[in-house]
Amino acid sequence: AQGAWHALPAGFVETGEETAADPSLLAASKA
């Protein structure tokens, strides 16, 4: 209801980088 679903709080960002040959694996990891 706050429009914050799956959003990080202010001041937070994801760091690092994932790699995979299959893009669907990256999407699944993010989910």
PDB file of all heavy atoms in Angstrom:
ATOM      1  N   ALA A   1       0.813  -1.211   0.000  1.00  0.00           N
ATOM      2  CA  ALA A   1       0.000   0.000   0.000  1.00  0.00           C
ATOM      3  C   ALA A   1       0.848   1.264   0.000  1.00  0.00           C
ATOM      4  O   ALA A   1       0.411   2.311  -0.500  1.00  0.00           O
ATOM      5  CB  ALA A   1      -0.939   0.000   1.208  1.00  0.00           C
ATOM      6  N   GLN A   2       2.048   1.184   0.564  1.00  0.00           N
ATOM      7  CA  GLN A   2       2.949   2.330   0.579  1.00  0.00           C
ATOM      8  C   GLN A   2       3.702   2.506  -0.740  1.00  0.00           C
ATOM      9  O   GLN A   2       4.480   3.438  -0.900  1.00  0.00           O
ATOM     10  CB  GLN A   2       3.975   2.177   1.709  1.00  0.00           C
ATOM     11  CG  GLN A   2       3.381   2.132   3.112  1.00  0.00           C
ATOM     12  CD  GLN A   2       2.617   3.389   3.442  1.00  0.00           C
ATOM     13  OE1 GLN A   2       3.153   4.495   3.379  1.00  0.00           O
ATOM     14  NE2 GLN A   2       1.353   3.236   3.799  1.00  0.00           N
ATOM     15  N   GLY A   3       3.482   1.589  -1.677  1.00  0.00           N
ATOM     16  CA  GLY A   3       4.207   1.641  -2.943  1.00  0.00           C
ATOM     17  C   GLY A   3       5.666   1.262  -2.798  1.00  0.00           C
ATOM     18  O   GLY A   3       6.491   1.631  -3.641  1.00  0.00           O
ATOM     19  N   ALA A   4       5.978   0.505  -1.743  1.00  0.00           N
ATOM     20  CA  ALA A   4       7.364   0.166  -1.451  1.00  0.00           C
ATOM     21  C   ALA A   4       7.684  -1.306  -1.680  1.00  0.00           C
ATOM     22  O   ALA A   4       8.764  -1.765  -1.323  1.00  0.00           O
ATOM     23  CB  ALA A   4       7.681   0.527   0.006  1.00  0.00           C
ATOM     24  N   TRP A   5       6.756  -2.052  -2.264  1.00  0.00           N
ATOM     25  CA  TRP A   5       6.955  -3.488  -2.435  1.00  0.00           C
ATOM     26  C   TRP A   5       8.219  -3.763  -3.239  1.00  0.00           C
ATOM     27  O   TRP A   5       8.395  -3.249  -4.336  1.00  0.00           O
ATOM     28  CB  TRP A   5       5.740  -4.086  -3.124  1.00  0.00           C
ATOM     29  CG  TRP A   5       5.733  -5.586  -3.208  1.00  0.00           C
ATOM     30  CD1 TRP A   5       5.828  -6.338  -4.333  1.00  0.00           C
ATOM     31  CD2 TRP A   5       5.596  -6.504  -2.115  1.00  0.00           C
ATOM     32  NE1 TRP A   5       5.762  -7.670  -4.010  1.00  0.00           N
ATOM     33  CE2 TRP A   5       5.625  -7.802  -2.652  1.00  0.00           C
ATOM     34  CE3 TRP A   5       5.465  -6.339  -0.730  1.00  0.00           C
ATOM     35  CZ2 TRP A   5       5.523  -8.945  -1.861  1.00  0.00           C
ATOM     36  CZ3 TRP A   5       5.359  -7.472   0.069  1.00  0.00           C
ATOM     37  CH2 TRP A   5       5.393  -8.756  -0.501  1.00  0.00           C
ATOM     38  N   HIS A   6       9.111  -4.531  -2.668  1.00  0.00           N
ATOM     39  CA  HIS A   6      10.398  -4.917  -3.247  1.00  0.00           C
ATOM     40  C   HIS A   6      11.387  -3.758  -3.336  1.00  0.00           C
ATOM     41  O   HIS A   6      12.444  -3.903  -3.946  1.00  0.00           O
ATOM     42  CB  HIS A   6      10.230  -5.545  -4.634  1.00  0.00           C
ATOM     43  CG  HIS A   6       9.685  -6.939  -4.569  1.00  0.00           C
ATOM     44  ND1 HIS A   6       9.366  -7.671  -5.708  1.00  0.00           N
ATOM     45  CD2 HIS A   6       9.381  -7.755  -3.516  1.00  0.00           C
ATOM     46  CE1 HIS A   6       8.903  -8.865  -5.348  1.00  0.00           C
ATOM     47  NE2 HIS A   6       8.914  -8.927  -4.022  1.00  0.00           N
ATOM     48  N   ALA A   7      11.063  -2.638  -2.735  1.00  0.00           N
ATOM     49  CA  ALA A   7      11.969  -1.491  -2.770  1.00  0.00           C
ATOM     50  C   ALA A   7      12.856  -1.480  -1.533  1.00  0.00           C
ATOM     51  O   ALA A   7      12.415  -1.819  -0.432  1.00  0.00           O
ATOM     52  CB  ALA A   7      11.174  -0.188  -2.848  1.00  0.00           C
ATOM     53  N   LEU A   8      14.102  -1.084  -1.725  1.00  0.00           N
ATOM     54  CA  LEU A   8      15.008  -0.903  -0.600  1.00  0.00           C
ATOM     55  C   LEU A   8      14.707   0.426   0.083  1.00  0.00           C
ATOM     56  O   LEU A   8      14.218   1.369  -0.552  1.00  0.00           O
ATOM     57  CB  LEU A   8      16.456  -0.917  -1.092  1.00  0.00           C
ATOM     58  CG  LEU A   8      17.008  -2.286  -1.500  1.00  0.00           C
ATOM     59  CD1 LEU A   8      18.291  -2.115  -2.305  1.00  0.00           C
ATOM     60  CD2 LEU A   8      17.247  -3.161  -0.280  1.00  0.00           C
ATOM     61  N   PRO A   9      15.003   0.533   1.383  1.00  0.00           N
ATOM     62  CA  PRO A   9      14.786   1.819   2.064  1.00  0.00           C
ATOM     63  C   PRO A   9      15.742   2.882   1.551  1.00  0.00           C
ATOM     64  O   PRO A   9      16.765   2.581   0.920  1.00  0.00           O
ATOM     65  CB  PRO A   9      15.058   1.480   3.538  1.00  0.00           C
ATOM     66  CG  PRO A   9      15.921   0.276   3.507  1.00  0.00           C
ATOM     67  CD  PRO A   9      15.522  -0.504   2.289  1.00  0.00           C
ATOM     68  N   ALA A  10      15.407   4.125   1.810  1.00  0.00           N
ATOM     69  CA  ALA A  10      16.240   5.245   1.355  1.00  0.00           C
ATOM     70  C   ALA A  10      17.674   5.066   1.844  1.00  0.00           C
ATOM     71  O   ALA A  10      17.911   4.711   3.004  1.00  0.00           O
ATOM     72  CB  ALA A  10      15.670   6.562   1.867  1.00  0.00           C
ATOM     73  N   GLY A  11      18.608   5.307   0.953  1.00  0.00           N
ATOM     74  CA  GLY A  11      20.021   5.201   1.313  1.00  0.00           C
ATOM     75  C   GLY A  11      20.630   3.848   1.047  1.00  0.00           C
ATOM     76  O   GLY A  11      21.842   3.678   1.203  1.00  0.00           O
ATOM     77  N   PHE A  12      19.820   2.868   0.642  1.00  0.00           N
ATOM     78  CA  PHE A  12      20.325   1.512   0.367  1.00  0.00           C
ATOM     79  C   PHE A  12      20.332   1.259  -1.132  1.00  0.00           C
ATOM     80  O   PHE A  12      19.380   1.588  -1.840  1.00  0.00           O
ATOM     81  CB  PHE A  12      19.447   0.462   1.051  1.00  0.00           C
ATOM     82  CG  PHE A  12      19.738   0.261   2.511  1.00  0.00           C
ATOM     83  CD1 PHE A  12      19.354   1.220   3.438  1.00  0.00           C
ATOM     84  CD2 PHE A  12      20.383  -0.874   2.958  1.00  0.00           C
ATOM     85  CE1 PHE A  12      19.604   1.051   4.785  1.00  0.00           C
ATOM     86  CE2 PHE A  12      20.650  -1.058   4.304  1.00  0.00           C
ATOM     87  CZ  PHE A  12      20.258  -0.100   5.223  1.00  0.00           C
ATOM     88  N   VAL A  13      21.412   0.664  -1.594  1.00  0.00           N
ATOM     89  CA  VAL A  13      21.498   0.210  -2.980  1.00  0.00           C
ATOM     90  C   VAL A  13      22.163  -1.159  -2.985  1.00  0.00           C
ATOM     91  O   VAL A  13      22.958  -1.477  -2.091  1.00  0.00           O
ATOM     92  CB  VAL A  13      22.318   1.176  -3.864  1.00  0.00           C
ATOM     93  CG1 VAL A  13      21.617   2.514  -4.007  1.00  0.00           C
ATOM     94  CG2 VAL A  13      23.728   1.352  -3.314  1.00  0.00           C
ATOM     95  N   GLU A  14      21.818  -1.970  -3.962  1.00  0.00           N
ATOM     96  CA  GLU A  14      22.482  -3.262  -4.093  1.00  0.00           C
ATOM     97  C   GLU A  14      23.872  -3.060  -4.688  1.00  0.00           C
ATOM     98  O   GLU A  14      24.059  -2.257  -5.603  1.00  0.00           O
ATOM     99  CB  GLU A  14      21.671  -4.198  -4.993  1.00  0.00           C
ATOM    100  CG  GLU A  14      20.449  -4.771  -4.323  1.00  0.00           C
ATOM    101  CD  GLU A  14      19.892  -5.969  -5.069  1.00  0.00           C
ATOM    102  OE1 GLU A  14      20.047  -6.008  -6.308  1.00  0.00           O
ATOM    103  OE2 GLU A  14      19.318  -6.849  -4.417  1.00  0.00           O
ATOM    104  N   THR A  15      24.829  -3.784  -4.147  1.00  0.00           N
ATOM    105  CA  THR A  15      26.193  -3.710  -4.654  1.00  0.00           C
ATOM    106  C   THR A  15      26.614  -5.079  -5.164  1.00  0.00           C
ATOM    107  O   THR A  15      25.984  -6.092  -4.866  1.00  0.00           O
ATOM    108  CB  THR A  15      27.168  -3.254  -3.557  1.00  0.00           C
ATOM    109  OG1 THR A  15      27.128  -4.196  -2.470  1.00  0.00           O
ATOM    110  CG2 THR A  15      26.825  -1.870  -3.059  1.00  0.00           C
ATOM    111  N   GLY A  16      27.702  -5.114  -5.914  1.00  0.00           N
ATOM    112  CA  GLY A  16      28.165  -6.368  -6.477  1.00  0.00           C
ATOM    113  C   GLY A  16      27.472  -6.642  -7.794  1.00  0.00           C
ATOM    114  O   GLY A  16      26.523  -5.952  -8.195  1.00  0.00           O
ATOM    115  N   GLU A  17      27.961  -7.644  -8.481  1.00  0.00           N
ATOM    116  CA  GLU A  17      27.413  -7.971  -9.800  1.00  0.00           C
ATOM    117  C   GLU A  17      27.368  -9.482  -9.960  1.00  0.00           C
ATOM    118  O   GLU A  17      28.332 -10.180  -9.668  1.00  0.00           O
ATOM    119  CB  GLU A  17      28.277  -7.353 -10.897  1.00  0.00           C
ATOM    120  CG  GLU A  17      27.736  -7.572 -12.294  1.00  0.00           C
ATOM    121  CD  GLU A  17      28.576  -6.869 -13.349  1.00  0.00           C
ATOM    122  OE1 GLU A  17      29.477  -6.105 -12.967  1.00  0.00           O
ATOM    123  OE2 GLU A  17      28.339  -7.108 -14.542  1.00  0.00           O
ATOM    124  N   GLU A  18      26.226  -9.975 -10.392  1.00  0.00           N
ATOM    125  CA  GLU A  18      26.067 -11.397 -10.684  1.00  0.00           C
ATOM    126  C   GLU A  18      26.183 -11.623 -12.184  1.00  0.00           C
ATOM    127  O   GLU A  18      25.802 -10.763 -12.985  1.00  0.00           O
ATOM    128  CB  GLU A  18      24.703 -11.895 -10.210  1.00  0.00           C
ATOM    129  CG  GLU A  18      24.541 -11.979  -8.717  1.00  0.00           C
ATOM    130  CD  GLU A  18      23.216 -12.611  -8.335  1.00  0.00           C
ATOM    131  OE1 GLU A  18      22.203 -12.288  -8.979  1.00  0.00           O
ATOM    132  OE2 GLU A  18      23.198 -13.426  -7.399  1.00  0.00           O
ATOM    133  N   THR A  19      26.706 -12.763 -12.538  1.00  0.00           N
ATOM    134  CA  THR A  19      26.779 -13.138 -13.950  1.00  0.00           C
ATOM    135  C   THR A  19      26.238 -14.546 -14.113  1.00  0.00           C
ATOM    136  O   THR A  19      26.374 -15.392 -13.220  1.00  0.00           O
ATOM    137  CB  THR A  19      28.223 -13.080 -14.480  1.00  0.00           C
ATOM    138  OG1 THR A  19      29.044 -13.980 -13.717  1.00  0.00           O
ATOM    139  CG2 THR A  19      28.785 -11.665 -14.377  1.00  0.00           C
ATOM    140  N   ALA A  20      25.616 -14.793 -15.241  1.00  0.00           N
ATOM    141  CA  ALA A  20      25.104 -16.116 -15.570  1.00  0.00           C
ATOM    142  C   ALA A  20      24.856 -16.166 -17.066  1.00  0.00           C
ATOM    143  O   ALA A  20      24.484 -15.165 -17.686  1.00  0.00           O
ATOM    144  CB  ALA A  20      23.814 -16.421 -14.808  1.00  0.00           C
ATOM    145  N   ALA A  21      25.083 -17.338 -17.643  1.00  0.00           N
ATOM    146  CA  ALA A  21      24.856 -17.493 -19.077  1.00  0.00           C
ATOM    147  C   ALA A  21      23.375 -17.407 -19.407  1.00  0.00           C
ATOM    148  O   ALA A  21      22.995 -16.953 -20.488  1.00  0.00           O
ATOM    149  CB  ALA A  21      25.434 -18.826 -19.549  1.00  0.00           C
ATOM    150  N   ASP A  22      22.557 -17.803 -18.468  1.00  0.00           N
ATOM    151  CA  ASP A  22      21.109 -17.807 -18.678  1.00  0.00           C
ATOM    152  C   ASP A  22      20.494 -16.610 -17.947  1.00  0.00           C
ATOM    153  O   ASP A  22      20.513 -16.553 -16.727  1.00  0.00           O
ATOM    154  CB  ASP A  22      20.518 -19.113 -18.142  1.00  0.00           C
ATOM    155  CG  ASP A  22      19.025 -19.241 -18.433  1.00  0.00           C
ATOM    156  OD1 ASP A  22      18.398 -18.242 -18.848  1.00  0.00           O
ATOM    157  OD2 ASP A  22      18.485 -20.346 -18.233  1.00  0.00           O
ATOM    158  N   PRO A  23      19.948 -15.628 -18.666  1.00  0.00           N
ATOM    159  CA  PRO A  23      19.354 -14.452 -18.012  1.00  0.00           C
ATOM    160  C   PRO A  23      18.247 -14.802 -17.026  1.00  0.00           C
ATOM    161  O   PRO A  23      18.015 -14.067 -16.063  1.00  0.00           O
ATOM    162  CB  PRO A  23      18.808 -13.634 -19.192  1.00  0.00           C
ATOM    163  CG  PRO A  23      19.598 -14.075 -20.376  1.00  0.00           C
ATOM    164  CD  PRO A  23      19.894 -15.527 -20.135  1.00  0.00           C
ATOM    165  N   SER A  24      17.572 -15.910 -17.253  1.00  0.00           N
ATOM    166  CA  SER A  24      16.493 -16.273 -16.345  1.00  0.00           C
ATOM    167  C   SER A  24      17.029 -16.593 -14.951  1.00  0.00           C
ATOM    168  O   SER A  24      16.325 -16.400 -13.955  1.00  0.00           O
ATOM    169  CB  SER A  24      15.707 -17.465 -16.885  1.00  0.00           C
ATOM    170  OG  SER A  24      16.484 -18.650 -16.881  1.00  0.00           O
ATOM    171  N   LEU A  25      18.259 -17.069 -14.859  1.00  0.00           N
ATOM    172  CA  LEU A  25      18.859 -17.343 -13.554  1.00  0.00           C
ATOM    173  C   LEU A  25      19.105 -16.047 -12.785  1.00  0.00           C
ATOM    174  O   LEU A  25      18.929 -15.992 -11.571  1.00  0.00           O
ATOM    175  CB  LEU A  25      20.164 -18.118 -13.722  1.00  0.00           C
ATOM    176  CG  LEU A  25      20.044 -19.514 -14.323  1.00  0.00           C
ATOM    177  CD1 LEU A  25      21.430 -20.139 -14.491  1.00  0.00           C
ATOM    178  CD2 LEU A  25      19.168 -20.394 -13.446  1.00  0.00           C
ATOM    179  N   LEU A  26      19.521 -15.003 -13.503  1.00  0.00           N
ATOM    180  CA  LEU A  26      19.725 -13.709 -12.856  1.00  0.00           C
ATOM    181  C   LEU A  26      18.387 -13.143 -12.362  1.00  0.00           C
ATOM    182  O   LEU A  26      18.309 -12.582 -11.259  1.00  0.00           O
ATOM    183  CB  LEU A  26      20.373 -12.733 -13.832  1.00  0.00           C
ATOM    184  CG  LEU A  26      21.799 -13.069 -14.281  1.00  0.00           C
ATOM    185  CD1 LEU A  26      22.283 -12.058 -15.310  1.00  0.00           C
ATOM    186  CD2 LEU A  26      22.741 -13.096 -13.086  1.00  0.00           C
ATOM    187  N   ALA A  27      17.345 -13.299 -13.182  1.00  0.00           N
ATOM    188  CA  ALA A  27      16.030 -12.810 -12.773  1.00  0.00           C
ATOM    189  C   ALA A  27      15.527 -13.574 -11.559  1.00  0.00           C
ATOM    190  O   ALA A  27      14.952 -12.985 -10.631  1.00  0.00           O
ATOM    191  CB  ALA A  27      15.039 -12.945 -13.931  1.00  0.00           C
ATOM    192  N   ALA A  28      15.748 -14.879 -11.527  1.00  0.00           N
ATOM    193  CA  ALA A  28      15.307 -15.691 -10.393  1.00  0.00           C
ATOM    194  C   ALA A  28      16.067 -15.320  -9.128  1.00  0.00           C
ATOM    195  O   ALA A  28      15.497 -15.263  -8.037  1.00  0.00           O
ATOM    196  CB  ALA A  28      15.491 -17.168 -10.701  1.00  0.00           C
ATOM    197  N   SER A  29      17.357 -15.046  -9.257  1.00  0.00           N
ATOM    198  CA  SER A  29      18.168 -14.658  -8.100  1.00  0.00           C
ATOM    199  C   SER A  29      17.703 -13.320  -7.541  1.00  0.00           C
ATOM    200  O   SER A  29      17.602 -13.138  -6.322  1.00  0.00           O
ATOM    201  CB  SER A  29      19.638 -14.581  -8.495  1.00  0.00           C
ATOM    202  OG  SER A  29      20.444 -14.164  -7.413  1.00  0.00           O
ATOM    203  N   LYS A  30      17.403 -12.376  -8.432  1.00  0.00           N
ATOM    204  CA  LYS A  30      16.916 -11.067  -7.999  1.00  0.00           C
ATOM    205  C   LYS A  30      15.568 -11.208  -7.297  1.00  0.00           C
ATOM    206  O   LYS A  30      15.340 -10.597  -6.241  1.00  0.00           O
ATOM    207  CB  LYS A  30      16.779 -10.143  -9.198  1.00  0.00           C
ATOM    208  CG  LYS A  30      16.281  -8.734  -8.865  1.00  0.00           C
ATOM    209  CD  LYS A  30      16.295  -7.861 -10.121  1.00  0.00           C
ATOM    210  CE  LYS A  30      15.919  -6.417  -9.803  1.00  0.00           C
ATOM    211  NZ  LYS A  30      14.513  -6.289  -9.365  1.00  0.00           N
ATOM    212  N   ALA A  31      14.682 -12.024  -7.852  1.00  0.00           N
ATOM    213  CA  ALA A  31      13.361 -12.229  -7.236  1.00  0.00           C
ATOM    214  C   ALA A  31      13.505 -12.858  -5.853  1.00  0.00           C
ATOM    215  O   ALA A  31      12.770 -12.498  -4.924  1.00  0.00           O
ATOM    216  CB  ALA A  31      12.501 -13.106  -8.136  1.00  0.00           C
TER     217      ALA A  31
END
